[in-house]
PDB file of N, CA and C in Angstrom:
ATOM      1  N   UNK A   1     -29.471 -34.631 -18.015  1.00  0.00           N
ATOM      2  CA  UNK A   1     -30.030 -33.380 -18.455  1.00  0.00           C
ATOM      3  C   UNK A   1     -29.902 -32.359 -17.316  1.00  0.00           C
ATOM      4  N   UNK A   2     -29.487 -31.138 -17.664  1.00  0.00           N
ATOM      5  CA  UNK A   2     -29.347 -30.075 -16.679  1.00  0.00           C
ATOM      6  C   UNK A   2     -30.708 -29.508 -16.331  1.00  0.00           C
ATOM      7  N   UNK A   3     -30.841 -29.161 -15.067  1.00  0.00           N
ATOM      8  CA  UNK A   3     -32.102 -28.602 -14.607  1.00  0.00           C
ATOM      9  C   UNK A   3     -31.851 -27.190 -14.101  1.00  0.00           C
ATOM     10  N   UNK A   4     -32.693 -26.290 -14.477  1.00  0.00           N
ATOM     11  CA  UNK A   4     -32.626 -24.927 -13.984  1.00  0.00           C
ATOM     12  C   UNK A   4     -33.782 -24.748 -13.020  1.00  0.00           C
ATOM     13  N   UNK A   5     -33.461 -24.319 -11.822  1.00  0.00           N
ATOM     14  CA  UNK A   5     -34.499 -24.107 -10.836  1.00  0.00           C
ATOM     15  C   UNK A   5     -34.384 -22.707 -10.267  1.00  0.00           C
ATOM     16  N   UNK A   6     -35.441 -22.219  -9.775  1.00  0.00           N
ATOM     17  CA  UNK A   6     -35.455 -20.902  -9.160  1.00  0.00           C
ATOM     18  C   UNK A   6     -35.720 -21.073  -7.675  1.00  0.00           C
ATOM     19  N   UNK A   7     -34.942 -20.367  -6.891  1.00  0.00           N
ATOM     20  CA  UNK A   7     -35.089 -20.434  -5.452  1.00  0.00           C
ATOM     21  C   UNK A   7     -35.693 -19.129  -4.955  1.00  0.00           C
ATOM     22  N   UNK A   8     -36.417 -19.260  -3.906  1.00  0.00           N
ATOM     23  CA  UNK A   8     -36.968 -18.065  -3.282  1.00  0.00           C
ATOM     24  C   UNK A   8     -36.173 -17.829  -2.004  1.00  0.00           C
ATOM     25  N   UNK A   9     -35.218 -16.886  -2.077  1.00  0.00           N
ATOM     26  CA  UNK A   9     -34.358 -16.586  -0.939  1.00  0.00           C
ATOM     27  C   UNK A   9     -34.470 -15.109  -0.584  1.00  0.00           C
ATOM     28  N   UNK A  10     -34.335 -14.850   0.689  1.00  0.00           N
ATOM     29  CA  UNK A  10     -34.267 -13.448   1.102  1.00  0.00           C
ATOM     30  C   UNK A  10     -32.832 -12.974   0.853  1.00  0.00           C
ATOM     31  N   UNK A  11     -32.627 -11.693   0.925  1.00  0.00           N
ATOM     32  CA  UNK A  11     -31.284 -11.147   0.728  1.00  0.00           C
ATOM     33  C   UNK A  11     -30.330 -11.679   1.782  1.00  0.00           C
ATOM     34  N   UNK A  12     -30.780 -11.770   3.024  1.00  0.00           N
ATOM     35  CA  UNK A  12     -29.937 -12.290   4.098  1.00  0.00           C
ATOM     36  C   UNK A  12     -29.568 -13.750   3.866  1.00  0.00           C
ATOM     37  N   UNK A  13     -30.513 -14.560   3.414  1.00  0.00           N
ATOM     38  CA  UNK A  13     -30.243 -15.969   3.131  1.00  0.00           C
ATOM     39  C   UNK A  13     -29.247 -16.100   1.985  1.00  0.00           C
ATOM     40  N   UNK A  14     -29.398 -15.279   0.950  1.00  0.00           N
ATOM     41  CA  UNK A  14     -28.482 -15.315  -0.183  1.00  0.00           C
ATOM     42  C   UNK A  14     -27.072 -14.904   0.260  1.00  0.00           C
ATOM     43  N   UNK A  15     -26.977 -13.856   1.072  1.00  0.00           N
ATOM     44  CA  UNK A  15     -25.683 -13.396   1.568  1.00  0.00           C
ATOM     45  C   UNK A  15     -25.013 -14.496   2.382  1.00  0.00           C
ATOM     46  N   UNK A  16     -25.771 -15.147   3.278  1.00  0.00           N
ATOM     47  CA  UNK A  16     -25.218 -16.233   4.088  1.00  0.00           C
ATOM     48  C   UNK A  16     -24.753 -17.399   3.219  1.00  0.00           C
ATOM     49  N   UNK A  17     -25.520 -17.728   2.197  1.00  0.00           N
ATOM     50  CA  UNK A  17     -25.152 -18.799   1.282  1.00  0.00           C
ATOM     51  C   UNK A  17     -23.847 -18.473   0.552  1.00  0.00           C
ATOM     52  N   UNK A  18     -23.718 -17.244   0.103  1.00  0.00           N
ATOM     53  CA  UNK A  18     -22.497 -16.825  -0.593  1.00  0.00           C
ATOM     54  C   UNK A  18     -21.309 -16.854   0.360  1.00  0.00           C
ATOM     55  N   UNK A  19     -21.462 -16.312   1.582  1.00  0.00           N
ATOM     56  CA  UNK A  19     -20.373 -16.312   2.556  1.00  0.00           C
ATOM     57  C   UNK A  19     -19.912 -17.732   2.874  1.00  0.00           C
ATOM     58  N   UNK A  20     -20.856 -18.640   3.094  1.00  0.00           N
ATOM     59  CA  UNK A  20     -20.496 -20.028   3.400  1.00  0.00           C
ATOM     60  C   UNK A  20     -19.765 -20.674   2.235  1.00  0.00           C
ATOM     61  N   UNK A  21     -20.264 -20.476   1.022  1.00  0.00           N
ATOM     62  CA  UNK A  21     -19.670 -21.092  -0.157  1.00  0.00           C
ATOM     63  C   UNK A  21     -18.258 -20.560  -0.403  1.00  0.00           C
ATOM     64  N   UNK A  22     -18.100 -19.255  -0.327  1.00  0.00           N
ATOM     65  CA  UNK A  22     -16.776 -18.665  -0.533  1.00  0.00           C
ATOM     66  C   UNK A  22     -15.838 -19.077   0.599  1.00  0.00           C
ATOM     67  N   UNK A  23     -16.317 -19.087   1.826  1.00  0.00           N
ATOM     68  CA  UNK A  23     -15.495 -19.504   2.966  1.00  0.00           C
ATOM     69  C   UNK A  23     -15.027 -20.942   2.826  1.00  0.00           C
ATOM     70  N   UNK A  24     -15.912 -21.838   2.389  1.00  0.00           N
ATOM     71  CA  UNK A  24     -15.524 -23.232   2.180  1.00  0.00           C
ATOM     72  C   UNK A  24     -14.466 -23.350   1.088  1.00  0.00           C
ATOM     73  N   UNK A  25     -14.618 -22.581   0.005  1.00  0.00           N
ATOM     74  CA  UNK A  25     -13.644 -22.613  -1.090  1.00  0.00           C
ATOM     75  C   UNK A  25     -12.286 -22.096  -0.618  1.00  0.00           C
ATOM     76  N   UNK A  26     -12.271 -21.039   0.179  1.00  0.00           N
ATOM     77  CA  UNK A  26     -11.011 -20.504   0.694  1.00  0.00           C
ATOM     78  C   UNK A  26     -10.342 -21.480   1.650  1.00  0.00           C
ATOM     79  N   UNK A  27     -11.123 -22.122   2.515  1.00  0.00           N
ATOM     80  CA  UNK A  27     -10.569 -23.112   3.434  1.00  0.00           C
ATOM     81  C   UNK A  27      -9.944 -24.279   2.673  1.00  0.00           C
ATOM     82  N   UNK A  28     -10.629 -24.749   1.626  1.00  0.00           N
ATOM     83  CA  UNK A  28     -10.101 -25.846   0.815  1.00  0.00           C
ATOM     84  C   UNK A  28      -8.811 -25.425   0.119  1.00  0.00           C
ATOM     85  N   UNK A  29      -8.749 -24.188  -0.337  1.00  0.00           N
ATOM     86  CA  UNK A  29      -7.550 -23.689  -0.997  1.00  0.00           C
ATOM     87  C   UNK A  29      -6.380 -23.608  -0.023  1.00  0.00           C
ATOM     88  N   UNK A  30      -6.646 -23.180   1.226  1.00  0.00           N
ATOM     89  CA  UNK A  30      -5.592 -23.101   2.228  1.00  0.00           C
ATOM     90  C   UNK A  30      -5.012 -24.476   2.529  1.00  0.00           C
ATOM     91  N   UNK A  31      -5.869 -25.481   2.586  1.00  0.00           N
ATOM     92  CA  UNK A  31      -5.420 -26.834   2.904  1.00  0.00           C
ATOM     93  C   UNK A  31      -4.566 -27.413   1.787  1.00  0.00           C
ATOM     94  N   UNK A  32      -4.841 -27.029   0.542  1.00  0.00           N
ATOM     95  CA  UNK A  32      -4.139 -27.594  -0.604  1.00  0.00           C
ATOM     96  C   UNK A  32      -2.921 -26.799  -1.035  1.00  0.00           C
ATOM     97  N   UNK A  33      -2.732 -25.596  -0.512  1.00  0.00           N
ATOM     98  CA  UNK A  33      -1.595 -24.781  -0.946  1.00  0.00           C
ATOM     99  C   UNK A  33      -0.383 -25.069  -0.066  1.00  0.00           C
ATOM    100  N   UNK A  34       0.812 -25.009  -0.663  1.00  0.00           N
ATOM    101  CA  UNK A  34       2.022 -25.274   0.122  1.00  0.00           C
ATOM    102  C   UNK A  34       2.292 -24.119   1.087  1.00  0.00           C
ATOM    103  N   UNK A  35       2.994 -24.392   2.172  1.00  0.00           N
ATOM    104  CA  UNK A  35       3.307 -23.315   3.120  1.00  0.00           C
ATOM    105  C   UNK A  35       4.256 -22.310   2.478  1.00  0.00           C
ATOM    106  N   UNK A  36       4.222 -21.054   2.912  1.00  0.00           N
ATOM    107  CA  UNK A  36       5.126 -20.063   2.334  1.00  0.00           C
ATOM    108  C   UNK A  36       6.566 -20.407   2.686  1.00  0.00           C
ATOM    109  N   UNK A  37       7.500 -20.047   1.821  1.00  0.00           N
ATOM    110  CA  UNK A  37       8.901 -20.374   2.119  1.00  0.00           C
ATOM    111  C   UNK A  37       9.373 -19.620   3.355  1.00  0.00           C
ATOM    112  N   UNK A  38      10.168 -20.293   4.142  1.00  0.00           N
ATOM    113  CA  UNK A  38      10.705 -19.673   5.353  1.00  0.00           C
ATOM    114  C   UNK A  38      11.762 -18.647   4.965  1.00  0.00           C
ATOM    115  N   UNK A  39      11.690 -17.497   5.586  1.00  0.00           N
ATOM    116  CA  UNK A  39      12.647 -16.440   5.295  1.00  0.00           C
ATOM    117  C   UNK A  39      13.915 -16.702   6.097  1.00  0.00           C
ATOM    118  N   UNK A  40      15.072 -16.554   5.477  1.00  0.00           N
ATOM    119  CA  UNK A  40      16.314 -16.765   6.231  1.00  0.00           C
ATOM    120  C   UNK A  40      16.374 -15.858   7.451  1.00  0.00           C
ATOM    121  N   UNK A  41      16.954 -16.357   8.527  1.00  0.00           N
ATOM    122  CA  UNK A  41      16.960 -15.628   9.798  1.00  0.00           C
ATOM    123  C   UNK A  41      17.652 -14.278   9.690  1.00  0.00           C
ATOM    124  N   UNK A  42      18.667 -14.164   8.830  1.00  0.00           N
ATOM    125  CA  UNK A  42      19.411 -12.926   8.725  1.00  0.00           C
ATOM    126  C   UNK A  42      18.678 -11.817   7.998  1.00  0.00           C
ATOM    127  N   UNK A  43      17.571 -12.139   7.348  1.00  0.00           N
ATOM    128  CA  UNK A  43      16.830 -11.123   6.597  1.00  0.00           C
ATOM    129  C   UNK A  43      15.837 -10.360   7.451  1.00  0.00           C
ATOM    130  N   UNK A  44      15.782 -10.665   8.707  1.00  0.00           N
ATOM    131  CA  UNK A  44      14.844  -9.986   9.601  1.00  0.00           C
ATOM    132  C   UNK A  44      15.288  -8.538   9.787  1.00  0.00           C
ATOM    133  N   UNK A  45      14.330  -7.620   9.736  1.00  0.00           N
ATOM    134  CA  UNK A  45      14.632  -6.208   9.925  1.00  0.00           C
ATOM    135  C   UNK A  45      14.365  -5.802  11.369  1.00  0.00           C
ATOM    136  N   UNK A  46      15.268  -5.005  11.908  1.00  0.00           N
ATOM    137  CA  UNK A  46      15.137  -4.525  13.275  1.00  0.00           C
ATOM    138  C   UNK A  46      14.990  -3.009  13.281  1.00  0.00           C
ATOM    139  N   UNK A  47      14.197  -2.513  14.207  1.00  0.00           N
ATOM    140  CA  UNK A  47      14.083  -1.065  14.379  1.00  0.00           C
ATOM    141  C   UNK A  47      15.359  -0.568  15.066  1.00  0.00           C
ATOM    142  N   UNK A  48      15.500   0.748  15.138  1.00  0.00           N
ATOM    143  CA  UNK A  48      16.663   1.314  15.828  1.00  0.00           C
ATOM    144  C   UNK A  48      16.724   0.831  17.277  1.00  0.00           C
ATOM    145  N   UNK A  49      15.581   0.858  17.927  1.00  0.00           N
ATOM    146  CA  UNK A  49      15.532   0.456  19.332  1.00  0.00           C
ATOM    147  C   UNK A  49      15.924  -1.016  19.495  1.00  0.00           C
ATOM    148  N   UNK A  50      15.395  -1.893  18.629  1.00  0.00           N
ATOM    149  CA  UNK A  50      15.712  -3.320  18.720  1.00  0.00           C
ATOM    150  C   UNK A  50      17.199  -3.565  18.463  1.00  0.00           C
ATOM    151  N   UNK A  51      17.750  -2.874  17.467  1.00  0.00           N
ATOM    152  CA  UNK A  51      19.171  -3.035  17.157  1.00  0.00           C
ATOM    153  C   UNK A  51      20.030  -2.539  18.318  1.00  0.00           C
ATOM    154  N   UNK A  52      19.651  -1.404  18.895  1.00  0.00           N
ATOM    155  CA  UNK A  52      20.407  -0.860  20.021  1.00  0.00           C
ATOM    156  C   UNK A  52      20.369  -1.814  21.210  1.00  0.00           C
ATOM    157  N   UNK A  53      19.214  -2.402  21.480  1.00  0.00           N
ATOM    158  CA  UNK A  53      19.100  -3.349  22.597  1.00  0.00           C
ATOM    159  C   UNK A  53      19.948  -4.591  22.343  1.00  0.00           C
ATOM    160  N   UNK A  54      19.943  -5.070  21.105  1.00  0.00           N
ATOM    161  CA  UNK A  54      20.720  -6.261  20.771  1.00  0.00           C
ATOM    162  C   UNK A  54      22.219  -5.995  20.927  1.00  0.00           C
ATOM    163  N   UNK A  55      22.645  -4.801  20.581  1.00  0.00           N
ATOM    164  CA  UNK A  55      24.060  -4.433  20.668  1.00  0.00           C
ATOM    165  C   UNK A  55      24.456  -3.866  22.032  1.00  0.00           C
ATOM    166  N   UNK A  56      23.463  -3.629  22.886  1.00  0.00           N
ATOM    167  CA  UNK A  56      23.700  -3.029  24.207  1.00  0.00           C
ATOM    168  C   UNK A  56      24.354  -1.646  24.078  1.00  0.00           C
ATOM    169  N   UNK A  57      23.813  -0.855  23.155  1.00  0.00           N
ATOM    170  CA  UNK A  57      24.279   0.527  22.970  1.00  0.00           C
ATOM    171  C   UNK A  57      23.053   1.428  22.865  1.00  0.00           C
ATOM    172  N   UNK A  58      23.284   2.727  22.821  1.00  0.00           N
ATOM    173  CA  UNK A  58      22.171   3.669  22.684  1.00  0.00           C
ATOM    174  C   UNK A  58      21.835   3.888  21.206  1.00  0.00           C
ATOM    175  N   UNK A  59      20.683   4.460  20.975  1.00  0.00           N
ATOM    176  CA  UNK A  59      20.264   4.782  19.611  1.00  0.00           C
ATOM    177  C   UNK A  59      21.210   5.835  19.019  1.00  0.00           C
ATOM    178  N   UNK A  60      21.700   6.731  19.841  1.00  0.00           N
ATOM    179  CA  UNK A  60      22.658   7.739  19.385  1.00  0.00           C
ATOM    180  C   UNK A  60      23.944   7.077  18.893  1.00  0.00           C
ATOM    181  N   UNK A  61      24.386   6.033  19.576  1.00  0.00           N
ATOM    182  CA  UNK A  61      25.580   5.303  19.147  1.00  0.00           C
ATOM    183  C   UNK A  61      25.349   4.679  17.770  1.00  0.00           C
ATOM    184  N   UNK A  62      24.152   4.159  17.537  1.00  0.00           N
ATOM    185  CA  UNK A  62      23.842   3.605  16.213  1.00  0.00           C
ATOM    186  C   UNK A  62      23.988   4.680  15.143  1.00  0.00           C
ATOM    187  N   UNK A  63      23.504   5.868  15.422  1.00  0.00           N
ATOM    188  CA  UNK A  63      23.631   6.971  14.461  1.00  0.00           C
ATOM    189  C   UNK A  63      25.098   7.305  14.205  1.00  0.00           C
ATOM    190  N   UNK A  64      25.888   7.306  15.269  1.00  0.00           N
ATOM    191  CA  UNK A  64      27.331   7.555  15.108  1.00  0.00           C
ATOM    192  C   UNK A  64      27.985   6.463  14.267  1.00  0.00           C
ATOM    193  N   UNK A  65      27.613   5.217  14.521  1.00  0.00           N
ATOM    194  CA  UNK A  65      28.176   4.111  13.755  1.00  0.00           C
ATOM    195  C   UNK A  65      27.777   4.191  12.288  1.00  0.00           C
ATOM    196  N   UNK A  66      26.575   4.691  12.031  1.00  0.00           N
ATOM    197  CA  UNK A  66      26.149   4.861  10.634  1.00  0.00           C
ATOM    198  C   UNK A  66      27.053   5.881   9.940  1.00  0.00           C
ATOM    199  N   UNK A  67      27.334   7.001  10.607  1.00  0.00           N
ATOM    200  CA  UNK A  67      28.205   8.032  10.022  1.00  0.00           C
ATOM    201  C   UNK A  67      29.628   7.524   9.814  1.00  0.00           C
ATOM    202  N   UNK A  68      30.065   6.618  10.686  1.00  0.00           N
ATOM    203  CA  UNK A  68      31.422   6.060  10.585  1.00  0.00           C
ATOM    204  C   UNK A  68      31.461   4.793   9.728  1.00  0.00           C
ATOM    205  N   UNK A  69      30.355   4.465   9.068  1.00  0.00           N
ATOM    206  CA  UNK A  69      30.231   3.298   8.176  1.00  0.00           C
ATOM    207  C   UNK A  69      30.478   1.970   8.889  1.00  0.00           C
ATOM    208  N   UNK A  70      30.094   1.896  10.151  1.00  0.00           N
ATOM    209  CA  UNK A  70      30.187   0.636  10.877  1.00  0.00           C
ATOM    210  C   UNK A  70      28.930  -0.190  10.639  1.00  0.00           C
ATOM    211  N   UNK A  71      27.790   0.458  10.631  1.00  0.00           N
ATOM    212  CA  UNK A  71      26.503  -0.182  10.327  1.00  0.00           C
ATOM    213  C   UNK A  71      25.838   0.573   9.185  1.00  0.00           C
ATOM    214  N   UNK A  72      25.124  -0.180   8.356  1.00  0.00           N
ATOM    215  CA  UNK A  72      24.449   0.423   7.205  1.00  0.00           C
ATOM    216  C   UNK A  72      22.954   0.112   7.283  1.00  0.00           C
ATOM    217  N   UNK A  73      22.166   1.062   7.761  1.00  0.00           N
ATOM    218  CA  UNK A  73      20.722   0.810   7.873  1.00  0.00           C
ATOM    219  C   UNK A  73      20.032   0.876   6.521  1.00  0.00           C
ATOM    220  N   UNK A  74      18.846   0.302   6.469  1.00  0.00           N
ATOM    221  CA  UNK A  74      17.967   0.408   5.302  1.00  0.00           C
ATOM    222  C   UNK A  74      16.933   1.461   5.641  1.00  0.00           C
ATOM    223  N   UNK A  75      16.600   2.288   4.707  1.00  0.00           N
ATOM    224  CA  UNK A  75      15.593   3.318   4.942  1.00  0.00           C
ATOM    225  C   UNK A  75      14.361   2.988   4.114  1.00  0.00           C
ATOM    226  N   UNK A  76      13.251   2.879   4.804  1.00  0.00           N
ATOM    227  CA  UNK A  76      11.959   2.648   4.164  1.00  0.00           C
ATOM    228  C   UNK A  76      11.082   3.810   4.571  1.00  0.00           C
ATOM    229  N   UNK A  77      10.850   4.692   3.612  1.00  0.00           N
ATOM    230  CA  UNK A  77      10.153   5.944   3.884  1.00  0.00           C
ATOM    231  C   UNK A  77      10.967   6.693   4.938  1.00  0.00           C
ATOM    232  N   UNK A  78      10.382   7.001   6.075  1.00  0.00           N
ATOM    233  CA  UNK A  78      11.106   7.708   7.135  1.00  0.00           C
ATOM    234  C   UNK A  78      11.674   6.765   8.183  1.00  0.00           C
ATOM    235  N   UNK A  79      11.397   5.476   8.033  1.00  0.00           N
ATOM    236  CA  UNK A  79      11.857   4.500   9.019  1.00  0.00           C
ATOM    237  C   UNK A  79      13.294   4.086   8.742  1.00  0.00           C
ATOM    238  N   UNK A  80      14.040   3.891   9.792  1.00  0.00           N
ATOM    239  CA  UNK A  80      15.415   3.412   9.696  1.00  0.00           C
ATOM    240  C   UNK A  80      15.427   2.008  10.284  1.00  0.00           C
ATOM    241  N   UNK A  81      15.790   1.030   9.446  1.00  0.00           N
ATOM    242  CA  UNK A  81      15.783  -0.368   9.862  1.00  0.00           C
ATOM    243  C   UNK A  81      17.147  -0.993   9.614  1.00  0.00           C
ATOM    244  N   UNK A  82      17.485  -1.956  10.433  1.00  0.00           N
ATOM    245  CA  UNK A  82      18.764  -2.644  10.320  1.00  0.00           C
ATOM    246  C   UNK A  82      18.516  -4.121  10.037  1.00  0.00           C
ATOM    247  N   UNK A  83      19.308  -4.694   9.128  1.00  0.00           N
ATOM    248  CA  UNK A  83      19.238  -6.133   8.881  1.00  0.00           C
ATOM    249  C   UNK A  83      19.848  -6.827  10.103  1.00  0.00           C
ATOM    250  N   UNK A  84      19.162  -7.834  10.593  1.00  0.00           N
ATOM    251  CA  UNK A  84      19.642  -8.532  11.778  1.00  0.00           C
ATOM    252  C   UNK A  84      21.020  -9.146  11.536  1.00  0.00           C
ATOM    253  N   UNK A  85      21.255  -9.657  10.327  1.00  0.00           N
ATOM    254  CA  UNK A  85      22.559 -10.244  10.002  1.00  0.00           C
ATOM    255  C   UNK A  85      23.659  -9.191  10.098  1.00  0.00           C
ATOM    256  N   UNK A  86      23.385  -7.965   9.654  1.00  0.00           N
ATOM    257  CA  UNK A  86      24.378  -6.887   9.748  1.00  0.00           C
ATOM    258  C   UNK A  86      24.673  -6.545  11.210  1.00  0.00           C
ATOM    259  N   UNK A  87      23.628  -6.509  12.017  1.00  0.00           N
ATOM    260  CA  UNK A  87      23.801  -6.182  13.430  1.00  0.00           C
ATOM    261  C   UNK A  87      24.620  -7.268  14.125  1.00  0.00           C
ATOM    262  N   UNK A  88      24.319  -8.531  13.834  1.00  0.00           N
ATOM    263  CA  UNK A  88      25.064  -9.631  14.451  1.00  0.00           C
ATOM    264  C   UNK A  88      26.515  -9.641  13.981  1.00  0.00           C
ATOM    265  N   UNK A  89      26.741  -9.291  12.711  1.00  0.00           N
ATOM    266  CA  UNK A  89      28.120  -9.214  12.200  1.00  0.00           C
ATOM    267  C   UNK A  89      28.892  -8.096  12.899  1.00  0.00           C
ATOM    268  N   UNK A  90      28.244  -6.965  13.099  1.00  0.00           N
ATOM    269  CA  UNK A  90      28.899  -5.863  13.804  1.00  0.00           C
ATOM    270  C   UNK A  90      29.192  -6.271  15.247  1.00  0.00           C
ATOM    271  N   UNK A  91      28.286  -7.016  15.845  1.00  0.00           N
ATOM    272  CA  UNK A  91      28.491  -7.495  17.201  1.00  0.00           C
ATOM    273  C   UNK A  91      29.705  -8.424  17.271  1.00  0.00           C
ATOM    274  N   UNK A  92      29.829  -9.309  16.270  1.00  0.00           N
ATOM    275  CA  UNK A  92      30.949 -10.229  16.226  1.00  0.00           C
ATOM    276  C   UNK A  92      32.265  -9.474  15.993  1.00  0.00           C
ATOM    277  N   UNK A  93      32.233  -8.467  15.108  1.00  0.00           N
ATOM    278  CA  UNK A  93      33.453  -7.680  14.845  1.00  0.00           C
ATOM    279  C   UNK A  93      33.905  -6.919  16.092  1.00  0.00           C
ATOM    280  N   UNK A  94      32.955  -6.456  16.850  1.00  0.00           N
ATOM    281  CA  UNK A  94      33.288  -5.683  18.053  1.00  0.00           C
ATOM    282  C   UNK A  94      33.761  -6.593  19.182  1.00  0.00           C
ATOM    283  N   UNK A  95      33.473  -7.878  19.065  1.00  0.00           N
ATOM    284  CA  UNK A  95      33.879  -8.825  20.093  1.00  0.00           C
ATOM    285  C   UNK A  95      33.124  -8.664  21.391  1.00  0.00           C
ATOM    286  N   UNK A  96      31.921  -8.120  21.310  1.00  0.00           N
ATOM    287  CA  UNK A  96      31.121  -7.900  22.517  1.00  0.00           C
ATOM    288  C   UNK A  96      30.299  -9.150  22.809  1.00  0.00           C
ATOM    289  N   UNK A  97      30.085  -9.490  24.049  1.00  0.00           N
ATOM    290  CA  UNK A  97      29.249 -10.654  24.384  1.00  0.00           C
ATOM    291  C   UNK A  97      27.800 -10.363  24.046  1.00  0.00           C
ATOM    292  N   UNK A  98      27.085 -11.403  23.662  1.00  0.00           N
ATOM    293  CA  UNK A  98      25.671 -11.250  23.296  1.00  0.00           C
ATOM    294  C   UNK A  98      24.791 -11.202  24.491  1.00  0.00           C
TER     295      UNK A  98
END
């Protein structure tokens, strides 16, 4: 038989009870969920500065290469990002040491 009981708790005690219960449920869910899939290494996005450092060129050179269709950046809002795989491919085509 189910029993209904009434507890006398303060607001702080009730809040703590809820936080603990929800925290325990979230921890249990984390333990039982599979890890997120690993993203392929080439899908990493690089900023202009990171791409320039990897290629050992200036940011201005990257802009020139974009105009000459050597590199094709992705634009997200006002940010200009380069796929790491594209940068490494351009590096290989140029025959420059890493």
